[in-house]
């Protein structure tokens, strides 16, 4: 099992959070669920941060069976569509977005 995470390190101004969060919920997450080979998609929004923790506004997790499945998703038309849509709201986000592909070793 492999998990691809997108980390949104930064912030959204308080007056823009409702718009940004709603857009992610209604426009971006449904598109991510249509990615080829994806098994699950989760959106995690930071609520409480330990002292010294990085300011991760939100994390998107996508679950796949293999790295090859991640590559198929990344080269898909659905991803291109999602990225174009995401560009509509990224002006509200101040920070950077970066990704890590994780291998899941064990789970309950």
PDB file of N, CA and C in Angstrom:
ATOM      1  N   UNK A   1       0.852  -1.177   0.000  1.00  0.00           N
ATOM      2  CA  UNK A   1       0.000   0.000   0.000  1.00  0.00           C
ATOM      3  C   UNK A   1       0.891   1.231   0.000  1.00  0.00           C
ATOM      4  N   UNK A   2       0.497   2.246  -0.768  1.00  0.00           N
ATOM      5  CA  UNK A   2       1.242   3.497  -0.841  1.00  0.00           C
ATOM      6  C   UNK A   2       0.296   4.676  -0.616  1.00  0.00           C
ATOM      7  N   UNK A   3       0.788   5.662   0.100  1.00  0.00           N
ATOM      8  CA  UNK A   3       0.014   6.868   0.394  1.00  0.00           C
ATOM      9  C   UNK A   3       0.770   8.068  -0.173  1.00  0.00           C
ATOM     10  N   UNK A   4       0.102   8.841  -1.023  1.00  0.00           N
ATOM     11  CA  UNK A   4       0.675  10.091  -1.523  1.00  0.00           C
ATOM     12  C   UNK A   4       0.060  11.224  -0.720  1.00  0.00           C
ATOM     13  N   UNK A   5       0.917  12.035  -0.104  1.00  0.00           N
ATOM     14  CA  UNK A   5       0.448  13.157   0.711  1.00  0.00           C
ATOM     15  C   UNK A   5       0.844  14.470   0.072  1.00  0.00           C
ATOM     16  N   UNK A   6      -0.097  15.391   0.059  1.00  0.00           N
ATOM     17  CA  UNK A   6       0.155  16.776  -0.333  1.00  0.00           C
ATOM     18  C   UNK A   6       0.054  17.605   0.935  1.00  0.00           C
ATOM     19  N   UNK A   7       1.144  18.251   1.299  1.00  0.00           N
ATOM     20  CA  UNK A   7       1.207  19.063   2.508  1.00  0.00           C
ATOM     21  C   UNK A   7       1.086  20.538   2.124  1.00  0.00           C
ATOM     22  N   UNK A   8       0.088  21.208   2.655  1.00  0.00           N
ATOM     23  CA  UNK A   8      -0.109  22.633   2.441  1.00  0.00           C
ATOM     24  C   UNK A   8       0.502  23.344   3.634  1.00  0.00           C
ATOM     25  N   UNK A   9       1.760  23.714   3.511  1.00  0.00           N
ATOM     26  CA  UNK A   9       2.494  24.349   4.598  1.00  0.00           C
ATOM     27  C   UNK A   9       2.356  25.862   4.446  1.00  0.00           C
ATOM     28  N   UNK A  10       1.621  26.463   5.342  1.00  0.00           N
ATOM     29  CA  UNK A  10       1.360  27.896   5.269  1.00  0.00           C
ATOM     30  C   UNK A  10       0.029  28.208   5.911  1.00  0.00           C
ATOM     31  N   UNK A  11      -0.658  29.212   5.364  1.00  0.00           N
ATOM     32  CA  UNK A  11      -1.915  29.631   5.985  1.00  0.00           C
ATOM     33  C   UNK A  11      -2.844  30.265   4.965  1.00  0.00           C
ATOM     34  N   UNK A  12      -4.072  30.416   5.393  1.00  0.00           N
ATOM     35  CA  UNK A  12      -5.106  31.154   4.661  1.00  0.00           C
ATOM     36  C   UNK A  12      -5.597  32.229   5.623  1.00  0.00           C
ATOM     37  N   UNK A  13      -5.727  33.443   5.131  1.00  0.00           N
ATOM     38  CA  UNK A  13      -6.212  34.534   5.982  1.00  0.00           C
ATOM     39  C   UNK A  13      -7.561  34.152   6.585  1.00  0.00           C
ATOM     40  N   UNK A  14      -7.802  34.508   7.839  1.00  0.00           N
ATOM     41  CA  UNK A  14      -9.061  34.129   8.490  1.00  0.00           C
ATOM     42  C   UNK A  14     -10.303  34.483   7.671  1.00  0.00           C
ATOM     43  N   UNK A  15     -10.304  35.641   7.023  1.00  0.00           N
ATOM     44  CA  UNK A  15     -11.481  36.048   6.247  1.00  0.00           C
ATOM     45  C   UNK A  15     -11.673  35.221   4.967  1.00  0.00           C
ATOM     46  N   UNK A  16     -10.653  34.443   4.560  1.00  0.00           N
ATOM     47  CA  UNK A  16     -10.742  33.633   3.339  1.00  0.00           C
ATOM     48  C   UNK A  16     -10.887  32.142   3.610  1.00  0.00           C
ATOM     49  N   UNK A  17     -10.828  31.746   4.875  1.00  0.00           N
ATOM     50  CA  UNK A  17     -10.819  30.316   5.193  1.00  0.00           C
ATOM     51  C   UNK A  17     -12.100  29.596   4.798  1.00  0.00           C
ATOM     52  N   UNK A  18     -13.234  30.190   5.035  1.00  0.00           N
ATOM     53  CA  UNK A  18     -14.494  29.533   4.676  1.00  0.00           C
ATOM     54  C   UNK A  18     -14.549  29.283   3.180  1.00  0.00           C
ATOM     55  N   UNK A  19     -14.178  30.279   2.403  1.00  0.00           N
ATOM     56  CA  UNK A  19     -14.190  30.129   0.934  1.00  0.00           C
ATOM     57  C   UNK A  19     -13.188  29.053   0.497  1.00  0.00           C
ATOM     58  N   UNK A  20     -11.967  29.130   1.015  1.00  0.00           N
ATOM     59  CA  UNK A  20     -10.928  28.167   0.636  1.00  0.00           C
ATOM     60  C   UNK A  20     -11.336  26.747   1.031  1.00  0.00           C
ATOM     61  N   UNK A  21     -11.738  26.567   2.283  1.00  0.00           N
ATOM     62  CA  UNK A  21     -12.109  25.236   2.769  1.00  0.00           C
ATOM     63  C   UNK A  21     -13.299  24.673   2.008  1.00  0.00           C
ATOM     64  N   UNK A  22     -14.287  25.486   1.753  1.00  0.00           N
ATOM     65  CA  UNK A  22     -15.458  25.033   1.011  1.00  0.00           C
ATOM     66  C   UNK A  22     -15.084  24.615  -0.408  1.00  0.00           C
ATOM     67  N   UNK A  23     -14.219  25.380  -1.041  1.00  0.00           N
ATOM     68  CA  UNK A  23     -13.761  25.053  -2.387  1.00  0.00           C
ATOM     69  C   UNK A  23     -13.038  23.706  -2.391  1.00  0.00           C
ATOM     70  N   UNK A  24     -12.183  23.496  -1.404  1.00  0.00           N
ATOM     71  CA  UNK A  24     -11.480  22.207  -1.312  1.00  0.00           C
ATOM     72  C   UNK A  24     -12.486  21.062  -1.151  1.00  0.00           C
ATOM     73  N   UNK A  25     -13.480  21.276  -0.284  1.00  0.00           N
ATOM     74  CA  UNK A  25     -14.475  20.231  -0.014  1.00  0.00           C
ATOM     75  C   UNK A  25     -15.346  19.920  -1.228  1.00  0.00           C
ATOM     76  N   UNK A  26     -15.776  20.947  -1.950  1.00  0.00           N
ATOM     77  CA  UNK A  26     -16.774  20.752  -3.004  1.00  0.00           C
ATOM     78  C   UNK A  26     -16.193  20.629  -4.408  1.00  0.00           C
ATOM     79  N   UNK A  27     -15.006  21.167  -4.626  1.00  0.00           N
ATOM     80  CA  UNK A  27     -14.437  21.162  -5.977  1.00  0.00           C
ATOM     81  C   UNK A  27     -13.225  20.245  -6.124  1.00  0.00           C
ATOM     82  N   UNK A  28     -12.353  20.239  -5.143  1.00  0.00           N
ATOM     83  CA  UNK A  28     -11.095  19.491  -5.270  1.00  0.00           C
ATOM     84  C   UNK A  28     -11.228  18.045  -4.801  1.00  0.00           C
ATOM     85  N   UNK A  29     -11.791  17.829  -3.635  1.00  0.00           N
ATOM     86  CA  UNK A  29     -11.870  16.463  -3.119  1.00  0.00           C
ATOM     87  C   UNK A  29     -12.684  15.536  -4.034  1.00  0.00           C
ATOM     88  N   UNK A  30     -13.828  15.967  -4.563  1.00  0.00           N
ATOM     89  CA  UNK A  30     -14.542  15.073  -5.486  1.00  0.00           C
ATOM     90  C   UNK A  30     -13.710  14.702  -6.717  1.00  0.00           C
ATOM     91  N   UNK A  31     -12.903  15.634  -7.208  1.00  0.00           N
ATOM     92  CA  UNK A  31     -12.040  15.319  -8.350  1.00  0.00           C
ATOM     93  C   UNK A  31     -10.970  14.306  -7.963  1.00  0.00           C
ATOM     94  N   UNK A  32     -10.409  14.458  -6.770  1.00  0.00           N
ATOM     95  CA  UNK A  32      -9.383  13.509  -6.333  1.00  0.00           C
ATOM     96  C   UNK A  32      -9.941  12.097  -6.188  1.00  0.00           C
ATOM     97  N   UNK A  33     -11.191  11.970  -5.822  1.00  0.00           N
ATOM     98  CA  UNK A  33     -11.780  10.629  -5.702  1.00  0.00           C
ATOM     99  C   UNK A  33     -11.950   9.956  -7.061  1.00  0.00           C
ATOM    100  N   UNK A  34     -11.855  10.725  -8.133  1.00  0.00           N
ATOM    101  CA  UNK A  34     -11.970  10.174  -9.491  1.00  0.00           C
ATOM    102  C   UNK A  34     -10.605   9.864 -10.112  1.00  0.00           C
ATOM    103  N   UNK A  35      -9.533  10.052  -9.368  1.00  0.00           N
ATOM    104  CA  UNK A  35      -8.207   9.747  -9.906  1.00  0.00           C
ATOM    105  C   UNK A  35      -8.120   8.260 -10.229  1.00  0.00           C
ATOM    106  N   UNK A  36      -7.475   7.905 -11.334  1.00  0.00           N
ATOM    107  CA  UNK A  36      -7.330   6.486 -11.658  1.00  0.00           C
ATOM    108  C   UNK A  36      -6.592   5.738 -10.548  1.00  0.00           C
ATOM    109  N   UNK A  37      -7.066   4.569 -10.252  1.00  0.00           N
ATOM    110  CA  UNK A  37      -6.418   3.643  -9.305  1.00  0.00           C
ATOM    111  C   UNK A  37      -6.470   4.066  -7.840  1.00  0.00           C
ATOM    112  N   UNK A  38      -7.062   5.213  -7.502  1.00  0.00           N
ATOM    113  CA  UNK A  38      -7.092   5.654  -6.110  1.00  0.00           C
ATOM    114  C   UNK A  38      -8.048   4.774  -5.310  1.00  0.00           C
ATOM    115  N   UNK A  39      -7.658   4.412  -4.102  1.00  0.00           N
ATOM    116  CA  UNK A  39      -8.494   3.559  -3.251  1.00  0.00           C
ATOM    117  C   UNK A  39      -9.225   4.371  -2.187  1.00  0.00           C
ATOM    118  N   UNK A  40      -8.601   5.459  -1.728  1.00  0.00           N
ATOM    119  CA  UNK A  40      -9.206   6.310  -0.701  1.00  0.00           C
ATOM    120  C   UNK A  40      -8.552   7.678  -0.768  1.00  0.00           C
ATOM    121  N   UNK A  41      -9.305   8.688  -0.354  1.00  0.00           N
ATOM    122  CA  UNK A  41      -8.801  10.060  -0.296  1.00  0.00           C
ATOM    123  C   UNK A  41      -9.276  10.663   1.021  1.00  0.00           C
ATOM    124  N   UNK A  42      -8.353  11.329   1.730  1.00  0.00           N
ATOM    125  CA  UNK A  42      -8.690  11.972   2.994  1.00  0.00           C
ATOM    126  C   UNK A  42      -8.114  13.388   3.015  1.00  0.00           C
ATOM    127  N   UNK A  43      -8.854  14.283   3.637  1.00  0.00           N
ATOM    128  CA  UNK A  43      -8.395  15.653   3.845  1.00  0.00           C
ATOM    129  C   UNK A  43      -8.288  15.873   5.349  1.00  0.00           C
ATOM    130  N   UNK A  44      -7.103  16.243   5.801  1.00  0.00           N
ATOM    131  CA  UNK A  44      -6.872  16.512   7.221  1.00  0.00           C
ATOM    132  C   UNK A  44      -6.552  17.992   7.370  1.00  0.00           C
ATOM    133  N   UNK A  45      -7.297  18.671   8.219  1.00  0.00           N
ATOM    134  CA  UNK A  45      -7.048  20.086   8.497  1.00  0.00           C
ATOM    135  C   UNK A  45      -6.474  20.215   9.908  1.00  0.00           C
ATOM    136  N   UNK A  46      -5.376  20.945  10.012  1.00  0.00           N
ATOM    137  CA  UNK A  46      -4.734  21.126  11.310  1.00  0.00           C
ATOM    138  C   UNK A  46      -5.641  21.890  12.268  1.00  0.00           C
ATOM    139  N   UNK A  47      -5.744  21.403  13.496  1.00  0.00           N
ATOM    140  CA  UNK A  47      -6.541  22.083  14.526  1.00  0.00           C
ATOM    141  C   UNK A  47      -5.698  22.538  15.701  1.00  0.00           C
ATOM    142  N   UNK A  48      -4.847  21.661  16.174  1.00  0.00           N
ATOM    143  CA  UNK A  48      -3.987  21.987  17.305  1.00  0.00           C
ATOM    144  C   UNK A  48      -2.563  21.608  16.929  1.00  0.00           C
ATOM    145  N   UNK A  49      -1.625  22.501  17.252  1.00  0.00           N
ATOM    146  CA  UNK A  49      -0.240  22.290  16.860  1.00  0.00           C
ATOM    147  C   UNK A  49       0.664  22.290  18.087  1.00  0.00           C
ATOM    148  N   UNK A  50       1.501  21.310  18.187  1.00  0.00           N
ATOM    149  CA  UNK A  50       2.514  21.249  19.237  1.00  0.00           C
ATOM    150  C   UNK A  50       3.502  22.394  19.007  1.00  0.00           C
ATOM    151  N   UNK A  51       4.051  22.929  20.082  1.00  0.00           N
ATOM    152  CA  UNK A  51       5.070  23.975  19.954  1.00  0.00           C
ATOM    153  C   UNK A  51       6.177  23.499  19.021  1.00  0.00           C
ATOM    154  N   UNK A  52       6.511  24.323  18.055  1.00  0.00           N
ATOM    155  CA  UNK A  52       7.580  23.998  17.120  1.00  0.00           C
ATOM    156  C   UNK A  52       7.154  23.182  15.917  1.00  0.00           C
ATOM    157  N   UNK A  53       5.897  22.767  15.867  1.00  0.00           N
ATOM    158  CA  UNK A  53       5.423  21.989  14.720  1.00  0.00           C
ATOM    159  C   UNK A  53       5.348  22.882  13.484  1.00  0.00           C
ATOM    160  N   UNK A  54       5.587  22.307  12.302  1.00  0.00           N
ATOM    161  CA  UNK A  54       5.445  23.130  11.097  1.00  0.00           C
ATOM    162  C   UNK A  54       3.988  23.533  10.912  1.00  0.00           C
ATOM    163  N   UNK A  55       3.768  24.675  10.301  1.00  0.00           N
ATOM    164  CA  UNK A  55       2.414  25.177  10.087  1.00  0.00           C
ATOM    165  C   UNK A  55       1.761  24.526   8.884  1.00  0.00           C
ATOM    166  N   UNK A  56       1.308  23.303   9.065  1.00  0.00           N
ATOM    167  CA  UNK A  56       0.635  22.580   7.983  1.00  0.00           C
ATOM    168  C   UNK A  56      -0.850  22.927   8.067  1.00  0.00           C
ATOM    169  N   UNK A  57      -1.346  23.707   7.114  1.00  0.00           N
ATOM    170  CA  UNK A  57      -2.749  24.099   7.111  1.00  0.00           C
ATOM    171  C   UNK A  57      -3.650  22.890   6.864  1.00  0.00           C
ATOM    172  N   UNK A  58      -3.250  22.073   5.888  1.00  0.00           N
ATOM    173  CA  UNK A  58      -4.019  20.860   5.605  1.00  0.00           C
ATOM    174  C   UNK A  58      -3.120  19.854   4.909  1.00  0.00           C
ATOM    175  N   UNK A  59      -3.534  18.600   4.978  1.00  0.00           N
ATOM    176  CA  UNK A  59      -2.850  17.507   4.296  1.00  0.00           C
ATOM    177  C   UNK A  59      -3.891  16.718   3.526  1.00  0.00           C
ATOM    178  N   UNK A  60      -3.578  16.415   2.285  1.00  0.00           N
ATOM    179  CA  UNK A  60      -4.435  15.529   1.495  1.00  0.00           C
ATOM    180  C   UNK A  60      -3.701  14.203   1.358  1.00  0.00           C
ATOM    181  N   UNK A  61      -4.367  13.119   1.722  1.00  0.00           N
ATOM    182  CA  UNK A  61      -3.828  11.773   1.588  1.00  0.00           C
ATOM    183  C   UNK A  61      -4.594  11.029   0.509  1.00  0.00           C
ATOM    184  N   UNK A  62      -3.845  10.410  -0.399  1.00  0.00           N
ATOM    185  CA  UNK A  62      -4.448   9.540  -1.407  1.00  0.00           C
ATOM    186  C   UNK A  62      -3.824   8.154  -1.264  1.00  0.00           C
ATOM    187  N   UNK A  63      -4.649   7.129  -1.237  1.00  0.00           N
ATOM    188  CA  UNK A  63      -4.178   5.766  -1.022  1.00  0.00           C
ATOM    189  C   UNK A  63      -4.212   4.991  -2.339  1.00  0.00           C
ATOM    190  N   UNK A  64      -3.100   4.300  -2.626  1.00  0.00           N
ATOM    191  CA  UNK A  64      -2.955   3.509  -3.851  1.00  0.00           C
ATOM    192  C   UNK A  64      -2.333   2.151  -3.514  1.00  0.00           C
ATOM    193  N   UNK A  65      -2.484   1.202  -4.419  1.00  0.00           N
ATOM    194  CA  UNK A  65      -1.877  -0.109  -4.216  1.00  0.00           C
ATOM    195  C   UNK A  65      -0.378  -0.113  -4.483  1.00  0.00           C
ATOM    196  N   UNK A  66       0.097   0.756  -5.396  1.00  0.00           N
ATOM    197  CA  UNK A  66       1.507   0.703  -5.793  1.00  0.00           C
ATOM    198  C   UNK A  66       1.986   2.072  -6.260  1.00  0.00           C
ATOM    199  N   UNK A  67       3.307   2.206  -6.368  1.00  0.00           N
ATOM    200  CA  UNK A  67       3.880   3.425  -6.938  1.00  0.00           C
ATOM    201  C   UNK A  67       3.477   3.579  -8.404  1.00  0.00           C
ATOM    202  N   UNK A  68       3.348   2.460  -9.119  1.00  0.00           N
ATOM    203  CA  UNK A  68       2.902   2.517 -10.514  1.00  0.00           C
ATOM    204  C   UNK A  68       1.493   3.108 -10.600  1.00  0.00           C
ATOM    205  N   UNK A  69       0.639   2.798  -9.636  1.00  0.00           N
ATOM    206  CA  UNK A  69      -0.708   3.373  -9.612  1.00  0.00           C
ATOM    207  C   UNK A  69      -0.656   4.875  -9.352  1.00  0.00           C
ATOM    208  N   UNK A  70       0.271   5.312  -8.501  1.00  0.00           N
ATOM    209  CA  UNK A  70       0.436   6.751  -8.271  1.00  0.00           C
ATOM    210  C   UNK A  70       0.859   7.426  -9.565  1.00  0.00           C
ATOM    211  N   UNK A  71       1.818   6.831 -10.258  1.00  0.00           N
ATOM    212  CA  UNK A  71       2.281   7.409 -11.525  1.00  0.00           C
ATOM    213  C   UNK A  71       1.147   7.490 -12.547  1.00  0.00           C
ATOM    214  N   UNK A  72       0.291   6.481 -12.590  1.00  0.00           N
ATOM    215  CA  UNK A  72      -0.855   6.510 -13.504  1.00  0.00           C
ATOM    216  C   UNK A  72      -1.779   7.671 -13.158  1.00  0.00           C
ATOM    217  N   UNK A  73      -2.000   7.885 -11.879  1.00  0.00           N
ATOM    218  CA  UNK A  73      -2.864   8.987 -11.450  1.00  0.00           C
ATOM    219  C   UNK A  73      -2.241  10.337 -11.801  1.00  0.00           C
ATOM    220  N   UNK A  74      -0.925  10.460 -11.599  1.00  0.00           N
ATOM    221  CA  UNK A  74      -0.254  11.731 -11.855  1.00  0.00           C
ATOM    222  C   UNK A  74      -0.238  12.104 -13.335  1.00  0.00           C
ATOM    223  N   UNK A  75      -0.327  11.121 -14.198  1.00  0.00           N
ATOM    224  CA  UNK A  75      -0.307  11.409 -15.634  1.00  0.00           C
ATOM    225  C   UNK A  75      -1.708  11.455 -16.237  1.00  0.00           C
ATOM    226  N   UNK A  76      -2.731  11.438 -15.397  1.00  0.00           N
ATOM    227  CA  UNK A  76      -4.105  11.370 -15.880  1.00  0.00           C
ATOM    228  C   UNK A  76      -4.696  12.734 -16.225  1.00  0.00           C
ATOM    229  N   UNK A  77      -5.738  12.706 -17.040  1.00  0.00           N
ATOM    230  CA  UNK A  77      -6.486  13.916 -17.372  1.00  0.00           C
ATOM    231  C   UNK A  77      -7.206  14.456 -16.137  1.00  0.00           C
ATOM    232  N   UNK A  78      -7.641  13.574 -15.256  1.00  0.00           N
ATOM    233  CA  UNK A  78      -8.318  14.008 -14.029  1.00  0.00           C
ATOM    234  C   UNK A  78      -7.380  14.887 -13.198  1.00  0.00           C
ATOM    235  N   UNK A  79      -6.111  14.517 -13.114  1.00  0.00           N
ATOM    236  CA  UNK A  79      -5.158  15.335 -12.358  1.00  0.00           C
ATOM    237  C   UNK A  79      -4.997  16.708 -13.008  1.00  0.00           C
ATOM    238  N   UNK A  80      -4.899  16.737 -14.320  1.00  0.00           N
ATOM    239  CA  UNK A  80      -4.775  18.031 -15.012  1.00  0.00           C
ATOM    240  C   UNK A  80      -5.987  18.906 -14.736  1.00  0.00           C
ATOM    241  N   UNK A  81      -7.163  18.311 -14.773  1.00  0.00           N
ATOM    242  CA  UNK A  81      -8.406  19.040 -14.491  1.00  0.00           C
ATOM    243  C   UNK A  81      -8.409  19.554 -13.051  1.00  0.00           C
ATOM    244  N   UNK A  82      -7.989  18.704 -12.117  1.00  0.00           N
ATOM    245  CA  UNK A  82      -7.972  19.094 -10.708  1.00  0.00           C
ATOM    246  C   UNK A  82      -6.987  20.234 -10.474  1.00  0.00           C
ATOM    247  N   UNK A  83      -5.825  20.169 -11.082  1.00  0.00           N
ATOM    248  CA  UNK A  83      -4.815  21.231 -10.892  1.00  0.00           C
ATOM    249  C   UNK A  83      -5.297  22.565 -11.457  1.00  0.00           C
ATOM    250  N   UNK A  84      -5.970  22.519 -12.599  1.00  0.00           N
ATOM    251  CA  UNK A  84      -6.514  23.749 -13.172  1.00  0.00           C
ATOM    252  C   UNK A  84      -7.570  24.346 -12.243  1.00  0.00           C
ATOM    253  N   UNK A  85      -8.402  23.501 -11.684  1.00  0.00           N
ATOM    254  CA  UNK A  85      -9.431  23.969 -10.756  1.00  0.00           C
ATOM    255  C   UNK A  85      -8.783  24.524  -9.482  1.00  0.00           C
ATOM    256  N   UNK A  86      -7.790  23.847  -8.960  1.00  0.00           N
ATOM    257  CA  UNK A  86      -7.112  24.282  -7.737  1.00  0.00           C
ATOM    258  C   UNK A  86      -6.472  25.660  -7.916  1.00  0.00           C
ATOM    259  N   UNK A  87      -5.996  25.946  -9.100  1.00  0.00           N
ATOM    260  CA  UNK A  87      -5.372  27.247  -9.370  1.00  0.00           C
ATOM    261  C   UNK A  87      -6.337  28.405  -9.122  1.00  0.00           C
ATOM    262  N   UNK A  88      -7.634  28.139  -9.213  1.00  0.00           N
ATOM    263  CA  UNK A  88      -8.645  29.181  -8.993  1.00  0.00           C
ATOM    264  C   UNK A  88      -8.639  29.711  -7.562  1.00  0.00           C
ATOM    265  N   UNK A  89      -8.177  28.909  -6.620  1.00  0.00           N
ATOM    266  CA  UNK A  89      -8.259  29.292  -5.211  1.00  0.00           C
ATOM    267  C   UNK A  89      -6.890  29.411  -4.529  1.00  0.00           C
ATOM    268  N   UNK A  90      -5.837  28.998  -5.197  1.00  0.00           N
ATOM    269  CA  UNK A  90      -4.522  29.001  -4.550  1.00  0.00           C
ATOM    270  C   UNK A  90      -4.015  30.401  -4.228  1.00  0.00           C
ATOM    271  N   UNK A  91      -4.570  31.428  -4.834  1.00  0.00           N
ATOM    272  CA  UNK A  91      -4.199  32.791  -4.473  1.00  0.00           C
ATOM    273  C   UNK A  91      -4.568  33.142  -3.036  1.00  0.00           C
ATOM    274  N   UNK A  92      -5.471  32.379  -2.446  1.00  0.00           N
ATOM    275  CA  UNK A  92      -5.869  32.600  -1.052  1.00  0.00           C
ATOM    276  C   UNK A  92      -4.904  31.936  -0.066  1.00  0.00           C
ATOM    277  N   UNK A  93      -4.087  31.025  -0.558  1.00  0.00           N
ATOM    278  CA  UNK A  93      -3.161  30.275   0.286  1.00  0.00           C
ATOM    279  C   UNK A  93      -1.785  30.912   0.219  1.00  0.00           C
ATOM    280  N   UNK A  94      -1.211  31.198   1.383  1.00  0.00           N
ATOM    281  CA  UNK A  94       0.144  31.739   1.464  1.00  0.00           C
ATOM    282  C   UNK A  94       1.055  30.662   2.023  1.00  0.00           C
ATOM    283  N   UNK A  95       1.952  30.170   1.196  1.00  0.00           N
ATOM    284  CA  UNK A  95       2.861  29.122   1.629  1.00  0.00           C
ATOM    285  C   UNK A  95       3.276  28.274   0.456  1.00  0.00           C
ATOM    286  N   UNK A  96       3.577  27.019   0.756  1.00  0.00           N
ATOM    287  CA  UNK A  96       4.003  26.106  -0.300  1.00  0.00           C
ATOM    288  C   UNK A  96       3.283  24.772  -0.145  1.00  0.00           C
ATOM    289  N   UNK A  97       3.194  24.072  -1.259  1.00  0.00           N
ATOM    290  CA  UNK A  97       2.610  22.734  -1.269  1.00  0.00           C
ATOM    291  C   UNK A  97       3.708  21.778  -1.723  1.00  0.00           C
ATOM    292  N   UNK A  98       3.889  20.708  -0.964  1.00  0.00           N
ATOM    293  CA  UNK A  98       4.883  19.714  -1.332  1.00  0.00           C
ATOM    294  C   UNK A  98       4.313  18.323  -1.081  1.00  0.00           C
ATOM    295  N   UNK A  99       4.925  17.324  -1.692  1.00  0.00           N
ATOM    296  CA  UNK A  99       4.385  15.967  -1.684  1.00  0.00           C
ATOM    297  C   UNK A  99       5.428  14.956  -1.205  1.00  0.00           C
ATOM    298  N   UNK A 100       4.928  13.912  -0.579  1.00  0.00           N
ATOM    299  CA  UNK A 100       5.732  12.745  -0.237  1.00  0.00           C
ATOM    300  C   UNK A 100       4.901  11.511  -0.573  1.00  0.00           C
ATOM    301  N   UNK A 101       5.537  10.546  -1.238  1.00  0.00           N
ATOM    302  CA  UNK A 101       4.929   9.237  -1.451  1.00  0.00           C
ATOM    303  C   UNK A 101       5.448   8.317  -0.350  1.00  0.00           C
ATOM    304  N   UNK A 102       4.527   7.797   0.461  1.00  0.00           N
ATOM    305  CA  UNK A 102       4.878   6.931   1.591  1.00  0.00           C
ATOM    306  C   UNK A 102       4.538   5.486   1.257  1.00  0.00           C
ATOM    307  N   UNK A 103       5.316   4.562   1.780  1.00  0.00           N
ATOM    308  CA  UNK A 103       4.975   3.144   1.728  1.00  0.00           C
ATOM    309  C   UNK A 103       4.398   2.793   3.086  1.00  0.00           C
ATOM    310  N   UNK A 104       3.205   2.256   3.115  1.00  0.00           N
ATOM    311  CA  UNK A 104       2.565   1.867   4.361  1.00  0.00           C
ATOM    312  C   UNK A 104       3.055   0.485   4.741  1.00  0.00           C
ATOM    313  N   UNK A 105       3.696   0.385   5.889  1.00  0.00           N
ATOM    314  CA  UNK A 105       4.298  -0.876   6.333  1.00  0.00           C
ATOM    315  C   UNK A 105       3.350  -1.730   7.156  1.00  0.00           C
ATOM    316  N   UNK A 106       2.537  -1.089   7.985  1.00  0.00           N
ATOM    317  CA  UNK A 106       1.617  -1.852   8.823  1.00  0.00           C
ATOM    318  C   UNK A 106       0.435  -0.974   9.204  1.00  0.00           C
ATOM    319  N   UNK A 107      -0.658  -1.624   9.514  1.00  0.00           N
ATOM    320  CA  UNK A 107      -1.862  -0.906   9.916  1.00  0.00           C
ATOM    321  C   UNK A 107      -2.767  -1.867  10.665  1.00  0.00           C
ATOM    322  N   UNK A 108      -3.748  -1.296  11.350  1.00  0.00           N
ATOM    323  CA  UNK A 108      -4.708  -2.126  12.101  1.00  0.00           C
ATOM    324  C   UNK A 108      -5.789  -2.644  11.198  1.00  0.00           C
TER     325      UNK A 108
END
